[in-house]
C-alpha atoms as a PDB file:
ATOM      1  CA  MET A   1      45.749 -30.672 -30.453  1.00  0.00           C
ATOM      2  CA  THR A   2      44.845 -33.601 -28.942  1.00  0.00           C
ATOM      3  CA  ARG A   3      41.120 -34.518 -27.691  1.00  0.00           C
ATOM      4  CA  LEU A   4      41.399 -33.375 -23.982  1.00  0.00           C
ATOM      5  CA  ALA A   5      42.633 -30.142 -25.426  1.00  0.00           C
ATOM      6  CA  TYR A   6      40.248 -29.814 -27.909  1.00  0.00           C
ATOM      7  CA  LEU A   7      37.517 -30.697 -25.331  1.00  0.00           C
ATOM      8  CA  THR A   8      38.616 -28.384 -22.541  1.00  0.00           C
ATOM      9  CA  LEU A   9      38.836 -25.476 -25.495  1.00  0.00           C
ATOM     10  CA  LEU A  10      34.779 -26.355 -26.331  1.00  0.00           C
ATOM     11  CA  CYS A  11      33.734 -26.562 -22.927  1.00  0.00           C
ATOM     12  CA  ALA A  12      35.307 -23.217 -22.022  1.00  0.00           C
ATOM     13  CA  THR A  13      34.167 -21.701 -25.215  1.00  0.00           C
ATOM     14  CA  LEU A  14      30.662 -22.621 -24.632  1.00  0.00           C
ATOM     15  CA  PHE A  15      30.515 -22.058 -20.907  1.00  0.00           C
ATOM     16  CA  ALA A  16      31.658 -17.980 -21.372  1.00  0.00           C
ATOM     17  CA  ALA A  17      28.811 -18.180 -24.520  1.00  0.00           C
ATOM     18  CA  GLN A  18      26.330 -19.297 -21.464  1.00  0.00           C
ATOM     19  CA  ALA A  19      27.485 -16.746 -19.059  1.00  0.00           C
ATOM     20  CA  ARG A  20      27.110 -13.986 -21.700  1.00  0.00           C
ATOM     21  CA  ALA A  21      23.611 -15.410 -22.621  1.00  0.00           C
ATOM     22  CA  ASP A  22      22.661 -15.586 -18.756  1.00  0.00           C
ATOM     23  CA  ASP A  23      24.104 -11.609 -18.767  1.00  0.00           C
ATOM     24  CA  ASP A  24      22.051 -10.381 -21.640  1.00  0.00           C
ATOM     25  CA  ALA A  25      18.887 -12.762 -20.358  1.00  0.00           C
ATOM     26  CA  PRO A  26      17.062 -10.040 -17.620  1.00  0.00           C
ATOM     27  CA  GLU A  27      17.128  -7.782 -20.462  1.00  0.00           C
ATOM     28  CA  ALA A  28      15.582 -10.047 -22.951  1.00  0.00           C
ATOM     29  CA  ASP A  29      12.887 -11.358 -20.182  1.00  0.00           C
ATOM     30  CA  TYR A  30      12.489  -7.641 -19.534  1.00  0.00           C
ATOM     31  CA  GLN A  31      11.987  -6.378 -22.976  1.00  0.00           C
ATOM     32  CA  ALA A  32       9.201  -9.431 -23.368  1.00  0.00           C
ATOM     33  CA  VAL A  33       7.274  -8.587 -20.401  1.00  0.00           C
ATOM     34  CA  ARG A  34       7.288  -4.702 -21.426  1.00  0.00           C
ATOM     35  CA  ALA A  35       6.035  -5.741 -24.671  1.00  0.00           C
ATOM     36  CA  ILE A  36       3.298  -7.519 -23.242  1.00  0.00           C
ATOM     37  CA  TYR A  37       2.389  -4.383 -20.850  1.00  0.00           C
ATOM     38  CA  LYS A  38       2.867  -2.118 -23.747  1.00  0.00           C
ATOM     39  CA  ALA A  39       0.096  -4.392 -25.727  1.00  0.00           C
ATOM     40  CA  ARG A  40      -2.250  -3.716 -22.570  1.00  0.00           C
ATOM     41  CA  ARG A  41      -2.764  -7.295 -22.280  1.00  0.00           C
ATOM     42  CA  TYR A  42      -2.283  -6.793 -18.348  1.00  0.00           C
ATOM     43  CA  GLU A  43      -3.336  -9.814 -17.181  1.00  0.00           C
ATOM     44  CA  GLU A  44      -0.578 -11.875 -19.397  1.00  0.00           C
ATOM     45  CA  ALA A  45       1.886  -9.200 -18.116  1.00  0.00           C
ATOM     46  CA  ALA A  46       1.066 -10.144 -14.319  1.00  0.00           C
ATOM     47  CA  HIS A  47       1.708 -13.027 -15.242  1.00  0.00           C
ATOM     48  CA  ALA A  48       4.698 -12.977 -16.879  1.00  0.00           C
ATOM     49  CA  ALA A  49       6.504 -10.457 -14.736  1.00  0.00           C
ATOM     50  CA  GLU A  50       5.298 -12.728 -11.494  1.00  0.00           C
ATOM     51  CA  ALA A  51       7.569 -15.413 -13.599  1.00  0.00           C
ATOM     52  CA  LEU A  52      10.264 -12.762 -14.317  1.00  0.00           C
ATOM     53  CA  VAL A  53      10.712 -11.557 -10.455  1.00  0.00           C
ATOM     54  CA  ALA A  54      11.101 -15.351  -9.614  1.00  0.00           C
ATOM     55  CA  ARG A  55      13.672 -15.859 -12.278  1.00  0.00           C
ATOM     56  CA  HIS A  56      15.363 -12.380 -11.133  1.00  0.00           C
ATOM     57  CA  PRO A  57      14.649 -11.862  -7.802  1.00  0.00           C
ATOM     58  CA  GLY A  58      17.315  -8.679  -7.669  1.00  0.00           C
ATOM     59  CA  CYS A  59      15.861  -6.948 -10.454  1.00  0.00           C
ATOM     60  CA  ALA A  60      14.401  -4.103  -9.606  1.00  0.00           C
ATOM     61  CA  ARG A  61      12.755  -2.558 -13.661  1.00  0.00           C
ATOM     62  CA  CYS A  62      11.693  -6.441 -13.378  1.00  0.00           C
ATOM     63  CA  ALA A  63       9.509  -5.450  -9.827  1.00  0.00           C
ATOM     64  CA  HIS A  64       8.404  -1.958 -10.680  1.00  0.00           C
ATOM     65  CA  LEU A  65       6.615  -3.152 -13.991  1.00  0.00           C
ATOM     66  CA  LEU A  66       5.092  -6.498 -11.731  1.00  0.00           C
ATOM     67  CA  GLY A  67       3.817  -3.269  -9.609  1.00  0.00           C
ATOM     68  CA  LYS A  68       2.250  -1.637 -12.911  1.00  0.00           C
ATOM     69  CA  SER A  69       0.792  -4.653 -13.835  1.00  0.00           C
ATOM     70  CA  TYR A  70      -0.700  -5.256 -11.072  1.00  0.00           C
ATOM     71  CA  GLY A  71      -1.648  -1.853 -10.444  1.00  0.00           C
ATOM     72  CA  ARG A  72      -3.654  -1.781 -13.914  1.00  0.00           C
ATOM     73  CA  LEU A  73      -5.698  -5.150 -13.017  1.00  0.00           C
ATOM     74  CA  ALA A  74      -6.631  -3.122  -9.610  1.00  0.00           C
ATOM     75  CA  GLN A  75      -8.021  -0.192 -11.846  1.00  0.00           C
ATOM     76  CA  ARG A  76     -10.445  -2.908 -13.919  1.00  0.00           C
ATOM     77  CA  ALA A  77     -10.642  -5.303 -10.970  1.00  0.00           C
ATOM     78  CA  ASN A  78     -13.990  -5.439  -8.669  1.00  0.00           C
ATOM     79  CA  TRP A  79     -13.295  -3.841  -5.023  1.00  0.00           C
ATOM     80  CA  LEU A  80     -12.523  -7.232  -3.493  1.00  0.00           C
ATOM     81  CA  ALA A  81     -10.222  -8.100  -5.988  1.00  0.00           C
ATOM     82  CA  ALA A  82      -8.999  -4.555  -6.222  1.00  0.00           C
ATOM     83  CA  MET A  83      -7.815  -4.472  -2.424  1.00  0.00           C
ATOM     84  CA  ASP A  84      -5.616  -7.208  -3.356  1.00  0.00           C
ATOM     85  CA  LEU A  85      -4.183  -6.724  -6.128  1.00  0.00           C
ATOM     86  CA  ALA A  86      -3.222  -2.274  -4.526  1.00  0.00           C
ATOM     87  CA  LYS A  87      -1.844  -4.376  -2.131  1.00  0.00           C
ATOM     88  CA  LYS A  88       0.825  -6.007  -4.128  1.00  0.00           C
ATOM     89  CA  THR A  89       1.390  -2.926  -6.450  1.00  0.00           C
ATOM     90  CA  CYS A  90       2.300  -1.692  -3.527  1.00  0.00           C
ATOM     91  CA  ALA A  91       4.690  -4.200  -2.222  1.00  0.00           C
ATOM     92  CA  SER A  92       6.195  -4.695  -5.769  1.00  0.00           C
ATOM     93  CA  PHE A  93       7.004  -0.513  -6.025  1.00  0.00           C
ATOM     94  CA  GLU A  94       8.383  -0.630  -2.593  1.00  0.00           C
ATOM     95  CA  ARG A  95      10.591  -3.619  -3.630  1.00  0.00           C
ATOM     96  CA  ALA A  96      11.725  -1.774  -6.756  1.00  0.00           C
ATOM     97  CA  VAL A  97      12.848   1.296  -4.762  1.00  0.00           C
ATOM     98  CA  ALA A  98      14.749  -0.914  -1.817  1.00  0.00           C
ATOM     99  CA  LEU A  99      16.928  -3.228  -4.879  1.00  0.00           C
ATOM    100  CA  ASP A 100      17.224   0.789  -6.564  1.00  0.00           C
ATOM    101  CA  PRO A 101      17.082   3.397  -4.843  1.00  0.00           C
ATOM    102  CA  GLU A 102      17.983   5.562  -7.897  1.00  0.00           C
ATOM    103  CA  ASN A 103      15.209   4.160 -10.171  1.00  0.00           C
ATOM    104  CA  ASP A 104      13.029   7.556 -10.270  1.00  0.00           C
ATOM    105  CA  GLY A 105      10.348   5.944 -12.285  1.00  0.00           C
ATOM    106  CA  ALA A 106       9.495   3.296  -9.294  1.00  0.00           C
ATOM    107  CA  LEU A 107      10.154   6.379  -6.968  1.00  0.00           C
ATOM    108  CA  GLU A 108       7.262   8.267  -8.798  1.00  0.00           C
ATOM    109  CA  ASP A 109       4.761   5.232  -8.939  1.00  0.00           C
ATOM    110  CA  LEU A 110       5.308   4.946  -5.419  1.00  0.00           C
ATOM    111  CA  ILE A 111       4.808   8.400  -3.952  1.00  0.00           C
ATOM    112  CA  ARG A 112       1.345   8.557  -6.869  1.00  0.00           C
ATOM    113  CA  TYR A 113       0.170   4.984  -4.855  1.00  0.00           C
ATOM    114  CA  TYR A 114       0.982   6.120  -1.536  1.00  0.00           C
ATOM    115  CA  ARG A 115      -0.953   9.775  -2.710  1.00  0.00           C
ATOM    116  CA  ALA A 116      -3.903   7.562  -4.033  1.00  0.00           C
ATOM    117  CA  ALA A 117      -3.887   4.660  -1.765  1.00  0.00           C
ATOM    118  CA  PRO A 118      -5.818   4.692   1.871  1.00  0.00           C
ATOM    119  CA  GLY A 119      -3.593   3.805   4.741  1.00  0.00           C
ATOM    120  CA  PHE A 120      -5.014  -0.080   5.097  1.00  0.00           C
ATOM    121  CA  LEU A 121      -3.616  -0.604   1.499  1.00  0.00           C
ATOM    122  CA  GLY A 122      -0.392   0.851   2.566  1.00  0.00           C
ATOM    123  CA  GLY A 123      -0.567   4.448   1.406  1.00  0.00           C
ATOM    124  CA  GLY A 124      -0.011   7.703   3.259  1.00  0.00           C
ATOM    125  CA  ALA A 125       0.687  11.474   3.090  1.00  0.00           C
ATOM    126  CA  ASP A 126       3.225  10.914   5.014  1.00  0.00           C
ATOM    127  CA  LYS A 127       5.021   8.128   3.241  1.00  0.00           C
ATOM    128  CA  ALA A 128       4.692  10.283   0.160  1.00  0.00           C
ATOM    129  CA  GLU A 129       6.138  12.860   1.709  1.00  0.00           C
ATOM    130  CA  VAL A 130       9.240  10.897   2.995  1.00  0.00           C
ATOM    131  CA  MET A 131       9.711   9.647  -0.630  1.00  0.00           C
ATOM    132  CA  GLU A 132       9.544  13.044  -2.347  1.00  0.00           C
ATOM    133  CA  LYS A 133      12.227  14.237  -0.660  1.00  0.00           C
ATOM    134  CA  ARG A 134      14.579  11.288  -1.603  1.00  0.00           C
ATOM    135  CA  LEU A 135      13.160  11.703  -5.258  1.00  0.00           C
ATOM    136  CA  ALA A 136      14.414  15.694  -5.004  1.00  0.00           C
ATOM    137  CA  ALA A 137      17.942  14.713  -3.105  1.00  0.00           C
ATOM    138  CA  LEU A 138      17.993  11.855  -6.311  1.00  0.00           C
ATOM    139  CA  LYS A 139      16.647  14.386  -8.926  1.00  0.00           C
ATOM    140  CA  THR A 140      19.865  17.300  -7.561  1.00  0.00           C
ATOM    141  CA  LYS A 141      22.148  14.623  -7.595  1.00  0.00           C
ATOM    142  CA  GLN A 142      21.647  13.576 -11.150  1.00  0.00           C
ATOM    143  CA  GLY A 143      21.331  17.157 -12.203  1.00  0.00           C
ATOM    144  CA  GLU A 144      25.082  17.408 -10.441  1.00  0.00           C
END
């Protein structure tokens, strides 16, 4: 085998390995942040999830996890910080649902948010009802 052929084969192998690693990266990154969240280190989880969403902007589960992290922080924050975090929670849940309309966990969390939050924080019973119909249709579709 000539040196050029060997180098070409080596480069092709490395590129293929990198492509496989890139495909697994969102899942590995997601699981790492999820472990931080499950350990109830919510501030750290929020920062890690922000970076995760920046690296993987099309990842619905990543946006959902970011919203859950913000929500936990909001529950423990003073009222001023809680309002800002609540808006971020809502935006993250809405983004997760927009990215993956069949993510029933994100839909359920968004419904709970809409039911609990006042209108000036993005909540509202009318919004919750729309999402509840969407979730019911999804569950019917999944049951078929």
